[in-house]
Amino acid sequence: MSTIEWDDFQRVELRVGTILSAAPNAKAIKPAYVLEVDLGELGVKTSSAQVTAHYEAEELVGRQVLCVCNFAPKRIAGVRSEILVTGVHDDDNKVVLASFDKPLPNGARLA
């Protein structure tokens, strides 16, 4: 594993957001949801996320997640994805969302 400097880490905008809505992305080749995420001062951003294996759309609403906010927007299956909602693959290669055990302000930056 290669190492990075603190400045490299600081360049990645990892922020807390609350999922406001989740709906199936009908155009996605692999099952995905279109998420609207409230990032506080950064506003509401859209993401296409392949998290359907462990989560129903309605249970995602209100959940706080960790997002990468400074990737360039990318068109994914007809959706302008503005953020990356983070997670980790489990033993079955299905995504488990990165989340928090206490409520945090939307837009709070990972320190």
N, C-alpha and C. Protein backbone atom coordinates (compact mmCIF):
# COMPACT_ATOMS: atom_id res chain seq x y z
N MET A 1 0.84 -1.17 0.00
CA MET A 1 0.00 0.00 0.00
C MET A 1 0.89 1.24 0.00
N SER A 2 0.58 2.17 -0.88
CA SER A 2 1.35 3.40 -0.91
C SER A 2 0.79 4.40 0.11
N THR A 3 1.63 5.26 0.59
CA THR A 3 1.20 6.25 1.57
C THR A 3 0.90 7.58 0.89
N ILE A 4 0.11 8.40 1.57
CA ILE A 4 -0.20 9.73 1.08
C ILE A 4 0.14 10.74 2.18
N GLU A 5 0.19 11.96 1.81
CA GLU A 5 0.44 13.04 2.76
C GLU A 5 -0.90 13.58 3.26
N TRP A 6 -0.89 14.26 4.40
CA TRP A 6 -2.10 14.85 4.97
C TRP A 6 -2.79 15.77 3.96
N ASP A 7 -2.00 16.54 3.22
CA ASP A 7 -2.57 17.44 2.22
C ASP A 7 -3.36 16.69 1.15
N ASP A 8 -2.91 15.48 0.79
CA ASP A 8 -3.63 14.67 -0.19
C ASP A 8 -5.02 14.30 0.36
N PHE A 9 -5.05 13.87 1.62
CA PHE A 9 -6.32 13.50 2.26
C PHE A 9 -7.25 14.71 2.35
N GLN A 10 -6.70 15.86 2.69
CA GLN A 10 -7.49 17.08 2.85
C GLN A 10 -8.18 17.52 1.55
N ARG A 11 -7.62 17.12 0.42
CA ARG A 11 -8.22 17.50 -0.87
C ARG A 11 -9.54 16.78 -1.12
N VAL A 12 -9.78 15.66 -0.47
CA VAL A 12 -11.03 14.92 -0.66
C VAL A 12 -12.08 15.49 0.28
N GLU A 13 -13.17 16.00 -0.30
CA GLU A 13 -14.28 16.58 0.49
C GLU A 13 -15.23 15.46 0.90
N LEU A 14 -15.01 14.90 2.08
CA LEU A 14 -15.89 13.87 2.63
C LEU A 14 -16.84 14.54 3.61
N ARG A 15 -18.13 14.52 3.29
CA ARG A 15 -19.10 15.24 4.10
C ARG A 15 -20.32 14.39 4.41
N VAL A 16 -20.97 14.74 5.51
CA VAL A 16 -22.18 14.07 5.97
C VAL A 16 -23.38 14.64 5.22
N GLY A 17 -24.25 13.75 4.79
CA GLY A 17 -25.50 14.16 4.16
C GLY A 17 -26.64 13.27 4.61
N THR A 18 -27.84 13.80 4.52
CA THR A 18 -29.04 13.04 4.86
C THR A 18 -29.81 12.75 3.58
N ILE A 19 -30.15 11.49 3.37
CA ILE A 19 -30.90 11.10 2.18
C ILE A 19 -32.33 11.61 2.32
N LEU A 20 -32.76 12.42 1.34
CA LEU A 20 -34.11 12.98 1.33
C LEU A 20 -35.07 12.12 0.53
N SER A 21 -34.57 11.48 -0.53
CA SER A 21 -35.41 10.61 -1.34
C SER A 21 -34.56 9.55 -2.00
N ALA A 22 -35.20 8.42 -2.30
CA ALA A 22 -34.55 7.31 -2.98
C ALA A 22 -35.59 6.65 -3.88
N ALA A 23 -35.22 6.46 -5.13
CA ALA A 23 -36.13 5.83 -6.10
C ALA A 23 -35.31 4.97 -7.04
N PRO A 24 -35.87 3.87 -7.51
CA PRO A 24 -35.13 3.02 -8.45
C PRO A 24 -34.72 3.80 -9.70
N ASN A 25 -33.52 3.53 -10.17
CA ASN A 25 -33.05 4.11 -11.42
C ASN A 25 -33.37 3.11 -12.53
N ALA A 26 -34.46 3.35 -13.24
CA ALA A 26 -34.96 2.43 -14.26
C ALA A 26 -33.98 2.24 -15.42
N LYS A 27 -33.10 3.20 -15.65
CA LYS A 27 -32.16 3.12 -16.78
C LYS A 27 -30.86 2.40 -16.43
N ALA A 28 -30.65 2.10 -15.16
CA ALA A 28 -29.40 1.48 -14.73
C ALA A 28 -29.32 0.03 -15.19
N ILE A 29 -28.16 -0.40 -15.67
CA ILE A 29 -27.95 -1.79 -16.07
C ILE A 29 -27.95 -2.68 -14.83
N LYS A 30 -27.20 -2.27 -13.80
CA LYS A 30 -27.22 -2.96 -12.51
C LYS A 30 -28.18 -2.20 -11.61
N PRO A 31 -28.97 -2.89 -10.78
CA PRO A 31 -29.94 -2.19 -9.93
C PRO A 31 -29.30 -1.07 -9.12
N ALA A 32 -29.95 0.09 -9.13
CA ALA A 32 -29.44 1.26 -8.42
C ALA A 32 -30.60 2.16 -8.03
N TYR A 33 -30.33 3.02 -7.06
CA TYR A 33 -31.29 4.05 -6.66
C TYR A 33 -30.76 5.41 -7.07
N VAL A 34 -31.68 6.30 -7.40
CA VAL A 34 -31.35 7.72 -7.54
C VAL A 34 -31.62 8.33 -6.17
N LEU A 35 -30.58 8.90 -5.57
CA LEU A 35 -30.68 9.48 -4.23
C LEU A 35 -30.59 10.99 -4.33
N GLU A 36 -31.40 11.68 -3.53
CA GLU A 36 -31.27 13.12 -3.32
C GLU A 36 -30.74 13.26 -1.90
N VAL A 37 -29.60 13.93 -1.73
CA VAL A 37 -28.92 14.01 -0.45
C VAL A 37 -28.74 15.46 -0.03
N ASP A 38 -29.19 15.80 1.17
CA ASP A 38 -29.04 17.15 1.73
C ASP A 38 -27.66 17.25 2.36
N LEU A 39 -26.83 18.14 1.80
CA LEU A 39 -25.48 18.34 2.29
C LEU A 39 -25.31 19.71 2.95
N GLY A 40 -26.39 20.20 3.56
CA GLY A 40 -26.31 21.46 4.29
C GLY A 40 -25.97 22.62 3.38
N GLU A 41 -24.91 23.34 3.72
CA GLU A 41 -24.51 24.53 2.96
C GLU A 41 -24.17 24.24 1.50
N LEU A 42 -23.86 22.98 1.18
CA LEU A 42 -23.56 22.61 -0.21
C LEU A 42 -24.82 22.37 -1.03
N GLY A 43 -25.97 22.32 -0.36
CA GLY A 43 -27.23 22.11 -1.05
C GLY A 43 -27.61 20.64 -1.17
N VAL A 44 -28.65 20.40 -1.96
CA VAL A 44 -29.14 19.04 -2.21
C VAL A 44 -28.48 18.55 -3.49
N LYS A 45 -27.85 17.38 -3.40
CA LYS A 45 -27.13 16.80 -4.53
C LYS A 45 -27.73 15.43 -4.88
N THR A 46 -27.51 15.03 -6.14
CA THR A 46 -28.04 13.77 -6.65
C THR A 46 -26.91 12.75 -6.80
N SER A 47 -27.25 11.48 -6.55
CA SER A 47 -26.30 10.40 -6.75
C SER A 47 -27.04 9.17 -7.25
N SER A 48 -26.40 8.41 -8.11
CA SER A 48 -26.91 7.08 -8.49
C SER A 48 -26.07 6.09 -7.72
N ALA A 49 -26.72 5.26 -6.91
CA ALA A 49 -25.98 4.37 -6.02
C ALA A 49 -26.48 2.93 -6.12
N GLN A 50 -25.55 2.01 -6.29
CA GLN A 50 -25.88 0.59 -6.37
C GLN A 50 -25.91 -0.01 -4.96
N VAL A 51 -26.95 0.34 -4.23
CA VAL A 51 -27.08 -0.12 -2.84
C VAL A 51 -28.39 -0.88 -2.62
N THR A 52 -28.93 -1.46 -3.70
CA THR A 52 -30.24 -2.11 -3.62
C THR A 52 -30.21 -3.48 -2.93
N ALA A 53 -29.05 -4.10 -2.83
CA ALA A 53 -28.97 -5.45 -2.25
C ALA A 53 -29.34 -5.47 -0.77
N HIS A 54 -28.92 -4.46 -0.04
CA HIS A 54 -29.15 -4.43 1.41
C HIS A 54 -30.23 -3.45 1.85
N TYR A 55 -30.69 -2.56 0.95
CA TYR A 55 -31.56 -1.48 1.37
C TYR A 55 -32.77 -1.33 0.45
N GLU A 56 -33.94 -1.16 1.05
CA GLU A 56 -35.14 -0.78 0.32
C GLU A 56 -35.13 0.75 0.23
N ALA A 57 -35.68 1.28 -0.84
CA ALA A 57 -35.66 2.73 -1.06
C ALA A 57 -36.23 3.49 0.14
N GLU A 58 -37.37 3.05 0.65
CA GLU A 58 -38.02 3.80 1.72
C GLU A 58 -37.22 3.80 3.03
N GLU A 59 -36.41 2.79 3.27
CA GLU A 59 -35.63 2.77 4.51
C GLU A 59 -34.39 3.66 4.43
N LEU A 60 -34.02 4.10 3.23
CA LEU A 60 -32.88 4.98 3.07
C LEU A 60 -33.21 6.43 3.43
N VAL A 61 -34.47 6.82 3.28
CA VAL A 61 -34.88 8.19 3.55
C VAL A 61 -34.64 8.51 5.03
N GLY A 62 -33.91 9.60 5.27
CA GLY A 62 -33.59 10.01 6.64
C GLY A 62 -32.25 9.49 7.13
N ARG A 63 -31.65 8.56 6.40
CA ARG A 63 -30.37 7.98 6.80
C ARG A 63 -29.24 8.95 6.48
N GLN A 64 -28.29 9.08 7.41
CA GLN A 64 -27.12 9.91 7.16
C GLN A 64 -26.01 9.04 6.57
N VAL A 65 -25.34 9.60 5.55
CA VAL A 65 -24.30 8.88 4.83
C VAL A 65 -23.08 9.78 4.65
N LEU A 66 -21.97 9.16 4.31
CA LEU A 66 -20.73 9.88 4.05
C LEU A 66 -20.55 9.98 2.54
N CYS A 67 -20.35 11.20 2.04
CA CYS A 67 -20.29 11.45 0.60
C CYS A 67 -18.99 12.12 0.20
N VAL A 68 -18.47 11.72 -0.97
CA VAL A 68 -17.38 12.46 -1.59
C VAL A 68 -18.04 13.53 -2.44
N CYS A 69 -17.73 14.78 -2.14
CA CYS A 69 -18.45 15.90 -2.75
C CYS A 69 -17.67 16.65 -3.82
N ASN A 70 -16.40 16.33 -4.03
CA ASN A 70 -15.64 17.11 -4.99
C ASN A 70 -15.15 16.32 -6.20
N PHE A 71 -15.84 15.24 -6.55
CA PHE A 71 -15.65 14.63 -7.87
C PHE A 71 -16.41 15.48 -8.87
N ALA A 72 -15.97 15.50 -10.10
CA ALA A 72 -16.73 16.17 -11.15
C ALA A 72 -18.04 15.40 -11.36
N PRO A 73 -19.14 16.11 -11.63
CA PRO A 73 -20.41 15.40 -11.92
C PRO A 73 -20.22 14.44 -13.09
N LYS A 74 -20.95 13.33 -13.02
CA LYS A 74 -20.82 12.28 -14.03
C LYS A 74 -22.21 11.76 -14.37
N ARG A 75 -22.48 11.54 -15.65
CA ARG A 75 -23.78 11.01 -16.06
C ARG A 75 -23.73 9.49 -15.92
N ILE A 76 -24.63 8.95 -15.09
CA ILE A 76 -24.71 7.51 -14.85
C ILE A 76 -26.14 7.06 -15.09
N ALA A 77 -26.33 6.25 -16.12
CA ALA A 77 -27.65 5.70 -16.45
C ALA A 77 -28.72 6.78 -16.48
N GLY A 78 -28.41 7.88 -17.17
CA GLY A 78 -29.38 8.95 -17.34
C GLY A 78 -29.48 9.94 -16.19
N VAL A 79 -28.67 9.74 -15.16
CA VAL A 79 -28.72 10.60 -13.97
C VAL A 79 -27.42 11.40 -13.88
N ARG A 80 -27.54 12.69 -13.60
CA ARG A 80 -26.35 13.51 -13.35
C ARG A 80 -25.95 13.29 -11.89
N SER A 81 -24.98 12.42 -11.68
CA SER A 81 -24.53 12.07 -10.35
C SER A 81 -23.49 13.09 -9.91
N GLU A 82 -23.81 13.84 -8.84
CA GLU A 82 -22.97 14.95 -8.38
C GLU A 82 -22.07 14.58 -7.21
N ILE A 83 -22.39 13.50 -6.53
CA ILE A 83 -21.62 13.06 -5.36
C ILE A 83 -21.48 11.55 -5.40
N LEU A 84 -20.53 11.04 -4.64
CA LEU A 84 -20.37 9.60 -4.45
C LEU A 84 -20.77 9.28 -3.02
N VAL A 85 -21.80 8.48 -2.86
CA VAL A 85 -22.20 8.00 -1.55
C VAL A 85 -21.30 6.80 -1.24
N THR A 86 -20.59 6.84 -0.12
CA THR A 86 -19.57 5.84 0.16
C THR A 86 -20.13 4.60 0.85
N GLY A 87 -19.42 3.51 0.63
CA GLY A 87 -19.76 2.24 1.26
C GLY A 87 -18.62 1.26 1.06
N VAL A 88 -18.83 0.06 1.57
CA VAL A 88 -17.82 -0.99 1.51
C VAL A 88 -18.50 -2.27 1.02
N HIS A 89 -17.80 -3.04 0.18
CA HIS A 89 -18.34 -4.31 -0.29
C HIS A 89 -18.23 -5.36 0.82
N ASP A 90 -19.33 -6.10 1.03
CA ASP A 90 -19.30 -7.18 2.00
C ASP A 90 -18.74 -8.45 1.34
N ASP A 91 -18.82 -9.58 2.04
CA ASP A 91 -18.27 -10.84 1.52
C ASP A 91 -18.97 -11.30 0.24
N ASP A 92 -20.20 -10.83 0.00
CA ASP A 92 -20.94 -11.18 -1.21
C ASP A 92 -20.82 -10.12 -2.29
N ASN A 93 -19.89 -9.17 -2.11
CA ASN A 93 -19.65 -8.08 -3.05
C ASN A 93 -20.83 -7.13 -3.19
N LYS A 94 -21.62 -7.00 -2.12
CA LYS A 94 -22.75 -6.06 -2.08
C LYS A 94 -22.37 -4.89 -1.18
N VAL A 95 -22.80 -3.69 -1.56
CA VAL A 95 -22.38 -2.48 -0.85
C VAL A 95 -23.14 -2.28 0.46
N VAL A 96 -22.38 -2.04 1.52
CA VAL A 96 -22.91 -1.63 2.82
C VAL A 96 -22.50 -0.17 2.98
N LEU A 97 -23.48 0.70 3.20
CA LEU A 97 -23.22 2.13 3.30
C LEU A 97 -22.37 2.50 4.51
N ALA A 98 -21.48 3.47 4.31
CA ALA A 98 -20.77 4.08 5.43
C ALA A 98 -21.76 5.01 6.12
N SER A 99 -21.88 4.90 7.43
CA SER A 99 -22.85 5.72 8.14
C SER A 99 -22.33 6.06 9.53
N PHE A 100 -23.18 6.70 10.32
CA PHE A 100 -22.77 7.22 11.62
C PHE A 100 -23.70 6.71 12.71
N ASP A 101 -23.19 6.64 13.94
CA ASP A 101 -24.01 6.13 15.04
C ASP A 101 -24.67 7.25 15.85
N LYS A 102 -24.37 8.50 15.51
CA LYS A 102 -25.01 9.65 16.17
C LYS A 102 -25.37 10.67 15.09
N PRO A 103 -26.45 11.44 15.29
CA PRO A 103 -26.82 12.47 14.30
C PRO A 103 -25.74 13.54 14.19
N LEU A 104 -25.53 14.00 12.96
CA LEU A 104 -24.55 15.05 12.68
C LEU A 104 -25.18 16.10 11.79
N PRO A 105 -24.63 17.32 11.80
CA PRO A 105 -25.16 18.35 10.92
C PRO A 105 -24.85 18.01 9.45
N ASN A 106 -25.82 18.23 8.58
CA ASN A 106 -25.58 18.02 7.16
C ASN A 106 -24.48 18.96 6.69
N GLY A 107 -23.56 18.40 5.91
CA GLY A 107 -22.44 19.17 5.40
C GLY A 107 -21.20 19.10 6.27
N ALA A 108 -21.31 18.48 7.47
CA ALA A 108 -20.13 18.37 8.34
C ALA A 108 -19.05 17.58 7.61
N ARG A 109 -17.82 18.07 7.73
CA ARG A 109 -16.71 17.44 7.02
C ARG A 109 -16.02 16.40 7.89
N LEU A 110 -15.65 15.29 7.28
CA LEU A 110 -14.89 14.26 7.98
C LEU A 110 -13.57 14.86 8.43
N ALA A 111 -13.25 14.67 9.69
CA ALA A 111 -12.01 15.25 10.23
C ALA A 111 -11.02 14.17 10.56
